[in-house]
Amino acid sequence: MVTLSSVLAVSALALGMVLTPGPNMMYLVSRSITQGRRAGLVSLAGVGLGFLVYLTATNLGLSVVFVAVPELYQAIKIAGAAYLAWLAFQTLRPGGASVFEPRPLEPDSPRRLFTMGLLTNLLNPKAAVLYLSLIPQFVRPENGHVIAQGFLLGGVQIAVSLAVNLTIVAAAGAIAVFLARRPAWLRIQRYLMGGVLGVIAVKLATDRSRPALA
């Protein structure tokens, strides 16, 4: 079925992706700080469903659509790059706030928290690239049922991502307090996150790879 090397590679890839600042992290942290861990967990459940939607759609043929219409795939990547560039600008501009800096946000209902978590992930360019281009590279037709491999490797990615995000949700409040007491560290964190977002935006915009078939 799936080789150990493929599982380890996808695990490492998933870990690197989830630790890179992006829309999911920003949303989960903001809600965990303003409404508490329960709100962060509800939001995380929506994010998890978003991963399942991507995983199911990709394995059932979404990648075929993008292979047939590469312009559509490129347009989605450019739109995602523009969104990340906007997030980088918002973080780096004078007066910009750190993702761990508390901001006044209206409390949301559990339904809205879940829905926003879902939409944030569905519109996350990192998730799109992960499922449409990266994970399919580790699927080997000679190792058995291709769709089963796709679901298994996607499941590994989801498990890693949810575990890391769960840790972030649980620690968001403590991290926010720690950084609030150390303004210099807060600025460093903001510049680091904004810089990483900008680099990812440029790489996504200039990437010429095409979607791979699962």
N, C-alpha and C. Protein backbone atom coordinates (compact mmCIF):
# COMPACT_ATOMS: atom_id res chain seq x y z
N MET A 1 0.85 -1.19 0.00
CA MET A 1 0.00 0.00 0.00
C MET A 1 0.88 1.24 0.00
N VAL A 2 0.93 1.97 1.10
CA VAL A 2 1.73 3.18 1.19
C VAL A 2 3.04 2.86 1.90
N THR A 3 4.16 3.31 1.35
CA THR A 3 5.46 3.03 1.95
C THR A 3 5.71 3.93 3.16
N LEU A 4 6.57 3.46 4.06
CA LEU A 4 6.92 4.24 5.24
C LEU A 4 7.60 5.54 4.84
N SER A 5 8.42 5.48 3.80
CA SER A 5 9.11 6.69 3.35
C SER A 5 8.12 7.76 2.89
N SER A 6 7.04 7.36 2.23
CA SER A 6 6.02 8.32 1.79
C SER A 6 5.30 8.93 2.99
N VAL A 7 4.98 8.10 3.99
CA VAL A 7 4.31 8.59 5.19
C VAL A 7 5.19 9.61 5.92
N LEU A 8 6.48 9.27 6.06
CA LEU A 8 7.40 10.18 6.74
C LEU A 8 7.58 11.47 5.96
N ALA A 9 7.64 11.36 4.63
CA ALA A 9 7.82 12.55 3.82
C ALA A 9 6.61 13.47 3.91
N VAL A 10 5.41 12.90 3.85
CA VAL A 10 4.19 13.71 3.97
C VAL A 10 4.09 14.30 5.37
N SER A 11 4.50 13.55 6.39
CA SER A 11 4.47 14.07 7.77
C SER A 11 5.38 15.29 7.90
N ALA A 12 6.59 15.19 7.33
CA ALA A 12 7.53 16.31 7.39
C ALA A 12 6.99 17.50 6.60
N LEU A 13 6.41 17.21 5.45
CA LEU A 13 5.84 18.28 4.62
C LEU A 13 4.69 18.96 5.35
N ALA A 14 3.81 18.17 5.95
CA ALA A 14 2.68 18.72 6.68
C ALA A 14 3.14 19.56 7.86
N LEU A 15 4.17 19.10 8.56
CA LEU A 15 4.69 19.84 9.71
C LEU A 15 5.26 21.18 9.28
N GLY A 16 6.02 21.18 8.19
CA GLY A 16 6.58 22.44 7.68
C GLY A 16 5.50 23.41 7.25
N MET A 17 4.46 22.90 6.61
CA MET A 17 3.38 23.76 6.12
C MET A 17 2.58 24.35 7.28
N VAL A 18 2.26 23.55 8.28
CA VAL A 18 1.41 24.03 9.36
C VAL A 18 2.15 25.01 10.27
N LEU A 19 3.47 24.90 10.34
CA LEU A 19 4.25 25.82 11.16
C LEU A 19 4.55 27.13 10.45
N THR A 20 4.28 27.17 9.14
CA THR A 20 4.46 28.40 8.38
C THR A 20 3.24 29.28 8.57
N PRO A 21 3.43 30.55 8.96
CA PRO A 21 2.27 31.42 9.19
C PRO A 21 1.35 31.49 7.98
N GLY A 22 0.07 31.51 8.23
CA GLY A 22 -0.91 31.59 7.15
C GLY A 22 -2.28 31.91 7.70
N PRO A 23 -3.29 31.92 6.85
CA PRO A 23 -4.66 32.27 7.26
C PRO A 23 -5.20 31.41 8.40
N ASN A 24 -4.95 30.10 8.34
CA ASN A 24 -5.47 29.22 9.39
C ASN A 24 -4.92 29.60 10.76
N MET A 25 -3.59 29.76 10.82
CA MET A 25 -2.96 30.11 12.09
C MET A 25 -3.49 31.44 12.61
N MET A 26 -3.61 32.42 11.71
CA MET A 26 -4.07 33.74 12.13
C MET A 26 -5.48 33.68 12.69
N TYR A 27 -6.35 32.94 12.03
CA TYR A 27 -7.73 32.87 12.49
C TYR A 27 -7.83 32.12 13.82
N LEU A 28 -7.15 31.00 13.92
CA LEU A 28 -7.23 30.19 15.14
C LEU A 28 -6.67 30.95 16.35
N VAL A 29 -5.54 31.62 16.15
CA VAL A 29 -4.93 32.36 17.25
C VAL A 29 -5.82 33.52 17.67
N SER A 30 -6.34 34.27 16.71
CA SER A 30 -7.17 35.44 17.04
C SER A 30 -8.40 35.03 17.83
N ARG A 31 -9.04 33.93 17.43
CA ARG A 31 -10.24 33.49 18.14
C ARG A 31 -9.91 32.89 19.50
N SER A 32 -8.79 32.19 19.60
CA SER A 32 -8.40 31.60 20.88
C SER A 32 -8.09 32.68 21.90
N ILE A 33 -7.47 33.78 21.45
CA ILE A 33 -7.11 34.85 22.36
C ILE A 33 -8.34 35.64 22.79
N THR A 34 -9.22 35.96 21.83
CA THR A 34 -10.35 36.83 22.14
C THR A 34 -11.52 36.10 22.80
N GLN A 35 -11.74 34.83 22.45
CA GLN A 35 -12.90 34.11 22.98
C GLN A 35 -12.55 32.87 23.79
N GLY A 36 -11.27 32.56 23.89
CA GLY A 36 -10.87 31.42 24.70
C GLY A 36 -10.62 30.16 23.90
N ARG A 37 -10.15 29.14 24.58
CA ARG A 37 -9.75 27.90 23.92
C ARG A 37 -10.93 27.18 23.28
N ARG A 38 -12.11 27.25 23.92
CA ARG A 38 -13.27 26.56 23.36
C ARG A 38 -13.59 27.10 21.97
N ALA A 39 -13.53 28.42 21.82
CA ALA A 39 -13.78 29.02 20.51
C ALA A 39 -12.70 28.60 19.52
N GLY A 40 -11.45 28.51 19.99
CA GLY A 40 -10.38 28.04 19.12
C GLY A 40 -10.60 26.62 18.66
N LEU A 41 -11.10 25.77 19.56
CA LEU A 41 -11.34 24.37 19.21
C LEU A 41 -12.48 24.23 18.21
N VAL A 42 -13.54 25.03 18.39
CA VAL A 42 -14.66 25.00 17.43
C VAL A 42 -14.17 25.46 16.06
N SER A 43 -13.35 26.51 16.05
CA SER A 43 -12.80 27.00 14.79
C SER A 43 -11.90 25.94 14.15
N LEU A 44 -11.13 25.24 14.98
CA LEU A 44 -10.24 24.19 14.48
C LEU A 44 -11.04 23.05 13.86
N ALA A 45 -12.22 22.75 14.41
CA ALA A 45 -13.08 21.71 13.83
C ALA A 45 -13.48 22.10 12.41
N GLY A 46 -13.78 23.39 12.19
CA GLY A 46 -14.10 23.86 10.84
C GLY A 46 -12.91 23.73 9.91
N VAL A 47 -11.73 24.08 10.42
CA VAL A 47 -10.50 23.93 9.62
C VAL A 47 -10.30 22.47 9.22
N GLY A 48 -10.52 21.57 10.17
CA GLY A 48 -10.37 20.14 9.88
C GLY A 48 -11.32 19.67 8.80
N LEU A 49 -12.57 20.16 8.83
CA LEU A 49 -13.52 19.79 7.78
C LEU A 49 -13.06 20.33 6.43
N GLY A 50 -12.46 21.50 6.43
CA GLY A 50 -11.93 22.05 5.19
C GLY A 50 -10.87 21.14 4.58
N PHE A 51 -10.00 20.58 5.43
CA PHE A 51 -9.00 19.63 4.93
C PHE A 51 -9.68 18.40 4.33
N LEU A 52 -10.73 17.91 4.99
CA LEU A 52 -11.43 16.73 4.48
C LEU A 52 -12.09 17.02 3.12
N VAL A 53 -12.63 18.23 2.97
CA VAL A 53 -13.23 18.62 1.69
C VAL A 53 -12.18 18.60 0.59
N TYR A 54 -11.04 19.21 0.85
CA TYR A 54 -9.95 19.22 -0.14
C TYR A 54 -9.49 17.80 -0.45
N LEU A 55 -9.31 17.00 0.60
CA LEU A 55 -8.83 15.63 0.41
C LEU A 55 -9.80 14.83 -0.45
N THR A 56 -11.09 14.91 -0.14
CA THR A 56 -12.10 14.16 -0.89
C THR A 56 -12.20 14.64 -2.34
N ALA A 57 -12.24 15.96 -2.52
CA ALA A 57 -12.37 16.51 -3.87
C ALA A 57 -11.17 16.15 -4.73
N THR A 58 -9.97 16.22 -4.15
CA THR A 58 -8.77 15.91 -4.91
C THR A 58 -8.75 14.45 -5.34
N ASN A 59 -9.07 13.55 -4.41
CA ASN A 59 -9.03 12.12 -4.73
C ASN A 59 -10.17 11.69 -5.65
N LEU A 60 -11.24 12.47 -5.71
CA LEU A 60 -12.36 12.12 -6.58
C LEU A 60 -12.33 12.86 -7.92
N GLY A 61 -11.21 13.56 -8.19
CA GLY A 61 -11.05 14.08 -9.54
C GLY A 61 -10.88 15.57 -9.71
N LEU A 62 -10.79 16.35 -8.61
CA LEU A 62 -10.61 17.78 -8.80
C LEU A 62 -9.30 18.10 -9.51
N SER A 63 -8.26 17.31 -9.23
CA SER A 63 -6.98 17.56 -9.88
C SER A 63 -7.08 17.37 -11.38
N VAL A 64 -7.99 16.48 -11.83
CA VAL A 64 -8.17 16.27 -13.27
C VAL A 64 -8.67 17.54 -13.94
N VAL A 65 -9.57 18.25 -13.23
CA VAL A 65 -10.09 19.51 -13.77
C VAL A 65 -8.96 20.52 -13.96
N PHE A 66 -8.08 20.61 -12.98
CA PHE A 66 -7.00 21.58 -13.07
C PHE A 66 -5.95 21.18 -14.10
N VAL A 67 -5.76 19.87 -14.29
CA VAL A 67 -4.85 19.42 -15.34
C VAL A 67 -5.42 19.78 -16.70
N ALA A 68 -6.74 19.62 -16.84
CA ALA A 68 -7.39 19.94 -18.12
C ALA A 68 -7.46 21.44 -18.36
N VAL A 69 -7.58 22.23 -17.30
CA VAL A 69 -7.67 23.69 -17.43
C VAL A 69 -6.59 24.31 -16.55
N PRO A 70 -5.33 24.27 -16.98
CA PRO A 70 -4.24 24.78 -16.14
C PRO A 70 -4.37 26.27 -15.83
N GLU A 71 -5.06 27.02 -16.71
CA GLU A 71 -5.24 28.45 -16.45
C GLU A 71 -6.04 28.68 -15.16
N LEU A 72 -7.00 27.79 -14.89
CA LEU A 72 -7.80 27.91 -13.67
C LEU A 72 -6.94 27.67 -12.45
N TYR A 73 -6.09 26.66 -12.53
CA TYR A 73 -5.18 26.37 -11.42
C TYR A 73 -4.24 27.54 -11.16
N GLN A 74 -3.70 28.12 -12.26
CA GLN A 74 -2.79 29.25 -12.12
C GLN A 74 -3.51 30.46 -11.52
N ALA A 75 -4.76 30.66 -11.92
CA ALA A 75 -5.53 31.79 -11.39
C ALA A 75 -5.74 31.65 -9.89
N ILE A 76 -6.00 30.42 -9.44
CA ILE A 76 -6.21 30.18 -8.01
C ILE A 76 -4.92 30.45 -7.24
N LYS A 77 -3.78 30.04 -7.81
CA LYS A 77 -2.51 30.28 -7.14
C LYS A 77 -2.20 31.77 -7.06
N ILE A 78 -2.48 32.50 -8.14
CA ILE A 78 -2.22 33.95 -8.14
C ILE A 78 -3.12 34.65 -7.12
N ALA A 79 -4.39 34.22 -7.05
CA ALA A 79 -5.30 34.81 -6.08
C ALA A 79 -4.82 34.51 -4.65
N GLY A 80 -4.35 33.30 -4.43
CA GLY A 80 -3.82 32.94 -3.12
C GLY A 80 -2.58 33.75 -2.77
N ALA A 81 -1.70 33.94 -3.77
CA ALA A 81 -0.49 34.73 -3.54
C ALA A 81 -0.85 36.17 -3.19
N ALA A 82 -1.85 36.72 -3.87
CA ALA A 82 -2.28 38.10 -3.59
C ALA A 82 -2.83 38.20 -2.17
N TYR A 83 -3.57 37.18 -1.74
CA TYR A 83 -4.13 37.19 -0.38
C TYR A 83 -3.02 37.15 0.66
N LEU A 84 -2.03 36.29 0.45
CA LEU A 84 -0.92 36.20 1.39
C LEU A 84 -0.11 37.49 1.40
N ALA A 85 0.05 38.11 0.22
CA ALA A 85 0.77 39.38 0.15
C ALA A 85 0.03 40.46 0.94
N TRP A 86 -1.29 40.44 0.87
CA TRP A 86 -2.10 41.40 1.63
C TRP A 86 -1.93 41.17 3.13
N LEU A 87 -1.92 39.90 3.55
CA LEU A 87 -1.71 39.58 4.96
C LEU A 87 -0.33 40.05 5.41
N ALA A 88 0.69 39.87 4.55
CA ALA A 88 2.04 40.31 4.87
C ALA A 88 2.07 41.83 5.04
N PHE A 89 1.40 42.55 4.14
CA PHE A 89 1.35 44.01 4.23
C PHE A 89 0.68 44.46 5.52
N GLN A 90 -0.43 43.82 5.85
CA GLN A 90 -1.16 44.18 7.06
C GLN A 90 -0.30 43.94 8.31
N THR A 91 0.57 42.95 8.25
CA THR A 91 1.41 42.62 9.39
C THR A 91 2.61 43.56 9.49
N LEU A 92 3.20 43.94 8.35
CA LEU A 92 4.44 44.72 8.34
C LEU A 92 4.22 46.23 8.31
N ARG A 93 3.06 46.67 7.90
CA ARG A 93 2.84 48.12 7.80
C ARG A 93 2.95 48.78 9.16
N PRO A 94 3.30 50.08 9.17
CA PRO A 94 3.37 50.80 10.45
C PRO A 94 2.04 50.70 11.19
N GLY A 95 2.11 50.30 12.43
CA GLY A 95 0.90 50.13 13.20
C GLY A 95 0.27 48.77 13.06
N GLY A 96 0.89 47.90 12.25
CA GLY A 96 0.36 46.55 12.07
C GLY A 96 0.45 45.76 13.37
N ALA A 97 -0.42 44.77 13.48
CA ALA A 97 -0.49 44.00 14.72
C ALA A 97 0.06 42.60 14.52
N SER A 98 0.62 42.04 15.57
CA SER A 98 1.07 40.66 15.57
C SER A 98 -0.13 39.73 15.65
N VAL A 99 0.01 38.54 15.13
CA VAL A 99 -1.07 37.56 15.22
C VAL A 99 -1.38 37.22 16.67
N PHE A 100 -0.37 37.36 17.55
CA PHE A 100 -0.57 37.05 18.96
C PHE A 100 -0.93 38.28 19.80
N GLU A 101 -1.15 39.41 19.14
CA GLU A 101 -1.51 40.63 19.86
C GLU A 101 -3.02 40.72 19.97
N PRO A 102 -3.57 40.76 21.17
CA PRO A 102 -5.04 40.82 21.34
C PRO A 102 -5.64 42.01 20.62
N ARG A 103 -6.76 41.76 19.93
CA ARG A 103 -7.48 42.82 19.23
C ARG A 103 -8.96 42.72 19.58
N PRO A 104 -9.64 43.85 19.57
CA PRO A 104 -11.07 43.82 19.88
C PRO A 104 -11.86 43.16 18.75
N LEU A 105 -12.41 41.99 19.02
CA LEU A 105 -13.23 41.28 18.05
C LEU A 105 -14.57 40.94 18.69
N GLU A 106 -15.62 41.08 17.92
CA GLU A 106 -16.94 40.71 18.43
C GLU A 106 -17.03 39.20 18.63
N PRO A 107 -17.54 38.75 19.77
CA PRO A 107 -17.70 37.31 19.98
C PRO A 107 -18.61 36.69 18.92
N ASP A 108 -18.21 35.53 18.43
CA ASP A 108 -19.01 34.83 17.42
C ASP A 108 -19.65 33.59 18.04
N SER A 109 -20.78 33.19 17.45
CA SER A 109 -21.46 31.98 17.90
C SER A 109 -20.67 30.75 17.46
N PRO A 110 -20.85 29.61 18.12
CA PRO A 110 -20.15 28.39 17.70
C PRO A 110 -20.36 28.08 16.21
N ARG A 111 -21.60 28.29 15.72
CA ARG A 111 -21.85 28.00 14.31
C ARG A 111 -21.00 28.88 13.40
N ARG A 112 -20.92 30.17 13.74
CA ARG A 112 -20.12 31.08 12.92
C ARG A 112 -18.62 30.76 13.04
N LEU A 113 -18.17 30.42 14.24
CA LEU A 113 -16.78 30.05 14.43
C LEU A 113 -16.41 28.85 13.55
N PHE A 114 -17.29 27.84 13.57
CA PHE A 114 -17.05 26.65 12.77
C PHE A 114 -17.05 26.99 11.27
N THR A 115 -18.03 27.77 10.85
CA THR A 115 -18.15 28.13 9.44
C THR A 115 -16.96 28.95 8.97
N MET A 116 -16.53 29.90 9.78
CA MET A 116 -15.39 30.73 9.39
C MET A 116 -14.10 29.92 9.35
N GLY A 117 -13.96 28.95 10.28
CA GLY A 117 -12.81 28.06 10.23
C GLY A 117 -12.79 27.26 8.94
N LEU A 118 -13.96 26.77 8.54
CA LEU A 118 -14.09 26.01 7.30
C LEU A 118 -13.73 26.88 6.10
N LEU A 119 -14.33 28.07 6.01
CA LEU A 119 -14.09 28.95 4.85
C LEU A 119 -12.65 29.43 4.81
N THR A 120 -12.07 29.72 5.98
CA THR A 120 -10.68 30.16 6.01
C THR A 120 -9.77 29.11 5.40
N ASN A 121 -10.03 27.84 5.71
CA ASN A 121 -9.19 26.78 5.16
C ASN A 121 -9.48 26.52 3.69
N LEU A 122 -10.75 26.57 3.29
CA LEU A 122 -11.08 26.35 1.88
C LEU A 122 -10.48 27.43 0.99
N LEU A 123 -10.30 28.64 1.53
CA LEU A 123 -9.72 29.74 0.77
C LEU A 123 -8.22 29.88 1.02
N ASN A 124 -7.66 28.94 1.73
CA ASN A 124 -6.24 28.96 2.07
C ASN A 124 -5.41 28.43 0.90
N PRO A 125 -4.58 29.27 0.27
CA PRO A 125 -3.81 28.80 -0.89
C PRO A 125 -2.83 27.70 -0.53
N LYS A 126 -2.34 27.68 0.71
CA LYS A 126 -1.41 26.62 1.10
C LYS A 126 -2.10 25.26 1.06
N ALA A 127 -3.37 25.20 1.48
CA ALA A 127 -4.11 23.93 1.46
C ALA A 127 -4.32 23.47 0.02
N ALA A 128 -4.65 24.40 -0.85
CA ALA A 128 -4.88 24.05 -2.26
C ALA A 128 -3.62 23.48 -2.89
N VAL A 129 -2.49 24.15 -2.70
CA VAL A 129 -1.24 23.67 -3.28
C VAL A 129 -0.85 22.33 -2.67
N LEU A 130 -1.06 22.17 -1.36
CA LEU A 130 -0.69 20.94 -0.68
C LEU A 130 -1.39 19.73 -1.27
N TYR A 131 -2.71 19.85 -1.47
CA TYR A 131 -3.49 18.70 -1.95
C TYR A 131 -3.44 18.51 -3.46
N LEU A 132 -3.28 19.59 -4.19
CA LEU A 132 -3.33 19.48 -5.65
C LEU A 132 -1.97 19.20 -6.28
N SER A 133 -0.89 19.57 -5.60
CA SER A 133 0.42 19.42 -6.22
C SER A 133 1.41 18.60 -5.40
N LEU A 134 1.39 18.73 -4.08
CA LEU A 134 2.45 18.14 -3.27
C LEU A 134 2.18 16.71 -2.86
N ILE A 135 1.07 16.45 -2.18
CA ILE A 135 0.78 15.10 -1.71
C ILE A 135 0.70 14.08 -2.86
N PRO A 136 0.07 14.43 -4.02
CA PRO A 136 0.01 13.45 -5.11
C PRO A 136 1.38 12.96 -5.59
N GLN A 137 2.44 13.73 -5.31
CA GLN A 137 3.77 13.31 -5.73
C GLN A 137 4.23 12.04 -5.00
N PHE A 138 3.61 11.74 -3.86
CA PHE A 138 4.03 10.59 -3.07
C PHE A 138 3.12 9.37 -3.29
N VAL A 139 2.15 9.51 -4.17
CA VAL A 139 1.29 8.38 -4.51
C VAL A 139 1.96 7.56 -5.61
N ARG A 140 2.11 6.27 -5.39
CA ARG A 140 2.79 5.37 -6.33
C ARG A 140 1.80 4.33 -6.86
N PRO A 141 1.45 4.40 -8.16
CA PRO A 141 0.50 3.44 -8.73
C PRO A 141 0.91 1.98 -8.52
N GLU A 142 2.22 1.73 -8.49
CA GLU A 142 2.69 0.35 -8.34
C GLU A 142 2.47 -0.18 -6.92
N ASN A 143 2.11 0.71 -5.99
CA ASN A 143 1.91 0.29 -4.60
C ASN A 143 0.46 -0.04 -4.26
N GLY A 144 -0.41 -0.07 -5.27
CA GLY A 144 -1.79 -0.44 -5.02
C GLY A 144 -2.77 0.64 -5.39
N HIS A 145 -3.95 0.57 -4.80
CA HIS A 145 -5.06 1.46 -5.13
C HIS A 145 -4.67 2.93 -4.92
N VAL A 146 -4.72 3.70 -6.00
CA VAL A 146 -4.26 5.08 -5.98
C VAL A 146 -5.12 5.95 -5.05
N ILE A 147 -6.43 5.80 -5.13
CA ILE A 147 -7.32 6.63 -4.30
C ILE A 147 -7.13 6.30 -2.82
N ALA A 148 -6.97 5.01 -2.50
CA ALA A 148 -6.74 4.63 -1.11
C ALA A 148 -5.45 5.24 -0.59
N GLN A 149 -4.41 5.24 -1.42
CA GLN A 149 -3.15 5.88 -1.02
C GLN A 149 -3.35 7.37 -0.78
N GLY A 150 -4.11 8.02 -1.66
CA GLY A 150 -4.35 9.44 -1.53
C GLY A 150 -5.05 9.78 -0.23
N PHE A 151 -6.07 8.98 0.12
CA PHE A 151 -6.80 9.23 1.36
C PHE A 151 -5.92 8.96 2.58
N LEU A 152 -5.10 7.92 2.53
CA LEU A 152 -4.25 7.59 3.66
C LEU A 152 -3.20 8.68 3.89
N LEU A 153 -2.53 9.11 2.82
CA LEU A 153 -1.52 10.16 2.96
C LEU A 153 -2.16 11.49 3.37
N GLY A 154 -3.34 11.76 2.83
CA GLY A 154 -4.06 12.96 3.25
C GLY A 154 -4.44 12.89 4.71
N GLY A 155 -4.80 11.69 5.18
CA GLY A 155 -5.13 11.51 6.58
C GLY A 155 -3.94 11.78 7.48
N VAL A 156 -2.76 11.38 7.02
CA VAL A 156 -1.53 11.66 7.77
C VAL A 156 -1.33 13.17 7.89
N GLN A 157 -1.51 13.88 6.78
CA GLN A 157 -1.36 15.35 6.79
C GLN A 157 -2.36 15.99 7.74
N ILE A 158 -3.61 15.54 7.70
CA ILE A 158 -4.64 16.13 8.55
C ILE A 158 -4.31 15.88 10.03
N ALA A 159 -3.85 14.68 10.36
CA ALA A 159 -3.52 14.36 11.75
C ALA A 159 -2.40 15.25 12.26
N VAL A 160 -1.36 15.44 11.45
CA VAL A 160 -0.24 16.30 11.85
C VAL A 160 -0.70 17.74 12.01
N SER A 161 -1.47 18.21 11.05
CA SER A 161 -1.93 19.60 11.08
C SER A 161 -2.82 19.87 12.28
N LEU A 162 -3.77 18.98 12.55
CA LEU A 162 -4.67 19.19 13.68
C LEU A 162 -3.92 19.12 15.01
N ALA A 163 -2.94 18.23 15.11
CA ALA A 163 -2.17 18.11 16.35
C ALA A 163 -1.39 19.40 16.63
N VAL A 164 -0.75 19.94 15.60
CA VAL A 164 0.03 21.18 15.78
C VAL A 164 -0.90 22.35 16.07
N ASN A 165 -2.00 22.45 15.32
CA ASN A 165 -2.93 23.56 15.53
C ASN A 165 -3.60 23.47 16.91
N LEU A 166 -3.83 22.26 17.38
CA LEU A 166 -4.39 22.08 18.73
C LEU A 166 -3.43 22.64 19.78
N THR A 167 -2.15 22.40 19.59
CA THR A 167 -1.14 22.95 20.49
C THR A 167 -1.13 24.47 20.44
N ILE A 168 -1.25 25.02 19.22
CA ILE A 168 -1.26 26.47 19.06
C ILE A 168 -2.48 27.08 19.76
N VAL A 169 -3.64 26.45 19.58
CA VAL A 169 -4.86 26.95 20.22
C VAL A 169 -4.70 26.94 21.74
N ALA A 170 -4.15 25.84 22.27
CA ALA A 170 -4.01 25.71 23.73
C ALA A 170 -3.02 26.72 24.29
N ALA A 171 -1.98 27.06 23.50
CA ALA A 171 -0.92 27.92 24.01
C ALA A 171 -1.06 29.37 23.59
N ALA A 172 -2.05 29.70 22.76
CA ALA A 172 -2.15 31.05 22.20
C ALA A 172 -2.22 32.12 23.28
N GLY A 173 -3.04 31.89 24.30
CA GLY A 173 -3.19 32.87 25.35
C GLY A 173 -1.89 33.11 26.10
N ALA A 174 -1.20 32.04 26.45
CA ALA A 174 0.06 32.16 27.18
C ALA A 174 1.12 32.86 26.34
N ILE A 175 1.16 32.53 25.04
CA ILE A 175 2.12 33.19 24.15
C ILE A 175 1.82 34.67 24.04
N ALA A 176 0.53 35.01 23.95
CA ALA A 176 0.13 36.41 23.84
C ALA A 176 0.57 37.20 25.07
N VAL A 177 0.38 36.63 26.26
CA VAL A 177 0.79 37.29 27.50
C VAL A 177 2.31 37.45 27.54
N PHE A 178 3.03 36.40 27.15
CA PHE A 178 4.50 36.43 27.14
C PHE A 178 5.00 37.55 26.23
N LEU A 179 4.45 37.65 25.02
CA LEU A 179 4.91 38.65 24.07
C LEU A 179 4.47 40.06 24.48
N ALA A 180 3.30 40.18 25.10
CA ALA A 180 2.81 41.49 25.52
C ALA A 180 3.75 42.12 26.55
N ARG A 181 4.39 41.29 27.34
CA ARG A 181 5.31 41.79 28.36
C ARG A 181 6.70 42.07 27.78
N ARG A 182 6.90 41.71 26.52
CA ARG A 182 8.20 41.90 25.87
C ARG A 182 7.97 42.53 24.50
N PRO A 183 7.79 43.85 24.44
CA PRO A 183 7.47 44.54 23.18
C PRO A 183 8.47 44.26 22.06
N ALA A 184 9.74 44.15 22.40
CA ALA A 184 10.76 43.90 21.37
C ALA A 184 10.52 42.55 20.71
N TRP A 185 10.20 41.54 21.52
CA TRP A 185 9.93 40.22 20.98
C TRP A 185 8.67 40.24 20.12
N LEU A 186 7.69 41.03 20.54
CA LEU A 186 6.45 41.13 19.78
C LEU A 186 6.72 41.71 18.39
N ARG A 187 7.59 42.73 18.32
CA ARG A 187 7.93 43.32 17.02
C ARG A 187 8.69 42.32 16.17
N ILE A 188 9.61 41.59 16.79
CA ILE A 188 10.38 40.59 16.03
C ILE A 188 9.46 39.53 15.46
N GLN A 189 8.52 39.06 16.31
CA GLN A 189 7.57 38.05 15.85
C GLN A 189 6.74 38.57 14.69
N ARG A 190 6.32 39.85 14.78
CA ARG A 190 5.50 40.44 13.72
C ARG A 190 6.28 40.55 12.42
N TYR A 191 7.52 41.02 12.51
CA TYR A 191 8.35 41.17 11.30
C TYR A 191 8.67 39.80 10.69
N LEU A 192 8.94 38.82 11.56
CA LEU A 192 9.26 37.48 11.08
C LEU A 192 8.06 36.88 10.34
N MET A 193 6.88 36.99 10.96
CA MET A 193 5.69 36.44 10.33
C MET A 193 5.37 37.15 9.02
N GLY A 194 5.44 38.49 9.04
CA GLY A 194 5.16 39.24 7.82
C GLY A 194 6.14 38.90 6.72
N GLY A 195 7.42 38.74 7.08
CA GLY A 195 8.43 38.39 6.08
C GLY A 195 8.18 37.02 5.48
N VAL A 196 7.84 36.05 6.33
CA VAL A 196 7.57 34.70 5.83
C VAL A 196 6.36 34.70 4.91
N LEU A 197 5.31 35.42 5.29
CA LEU A 197 4.12 35.51 4.44
C LEU A 197 4.48 36.11 3.08
N GLY A 198 5.31 37.16 3.09
CA GLY A 198 5.72 37.79 1.84
C GLY A 198 6.51 36.84 0.95
N VAL A 199 7.42 36.10 1.55
CA VAL A 199 8.23 35.14 0.78
C VAL A 199 7.35 34.06 0.16
N ILE A 200 6.41 33.54 0.96
CA ILE A 200 5.50 32.52 0.44
C ILE A 200 4.66 33.07 -0.71
N ALA A 201 4.21 34.32 -0.57
CA ALA A 201 3.40 34.95 -1.63
C ALA A 201 4.19 35.04 -2.92
N VAL A 202 5.46 35.45 -2.83
CA VAL A 202 6.30 35.58 -4.03
C VAL A 202 6.55 34.21 -4.65
N LYS A 203 6.87 33.21 -3.81
CA LYS A 203 7.13 31.87 -4.33
C LYS A 203 5.88 31.29 -4.99
N LEU A 204 4.72 31.52 -4.38
CA LEU A 204 3.48 31.01 -4.95
C LEU A 204 3.17 31.69 -6.27
N ALA A 205 3.43 32.99 -6.35
CA ALA A 205 3.13 33.74 -7.57
C ALA A 205 4.06 33.38 -8.71
N THR A 206 5.30 33.00 -8.39
CA THR A 206 6.29 32.70 -9.43
C THR A 206 6.42 31.21 -9.72
N ASP A 207 5.74 30.39 -8.95
CA ASP A 207 5.79 28.94 -9.15
C ASP A 207 5.10 28.56 -10.45
N ARG A 208 5.75 27.79 -11.26
CA ARG A 208 5.20 27.37 -12.56
C ARG A 208 4.85 25.90 -12.59
N SER A 209 4.84 25.24 -11.43
CA SER A 209 4.48 23.83 -11.41
C SER A 209 3.01 23.65 -11.73
N ARG A 210 2.68 22.49 -12.20
CA ARG A 210 1.29 22.17 -12.56
C ARG A 210 0.72 21.13 -11.60
N PRO A 211 -0.60 21.07 -11.46
CA PRO A 211 -1.19 20.09 -10.55
C PRO A 211 -0.87 18.68 -10.99
N ALA A 212 -0.65 17.80 -10.01
CA ALA A 212 -0.35 16.41 -10.31
C ALA A 212 -1.58 15.56 -10.10
N LEU A 213 -1.72 14.54 -10.90
CA LEU A 213 -2.85 13.62 -10.75
C LEU A 213 -2.59 12.66 -9.61
N ALA A 214 -3.60 12.52 -8.74
CA ALA A 214 -3.46 11.58 -7.62
C ALA A 214 -3.60 10.16 -8.11
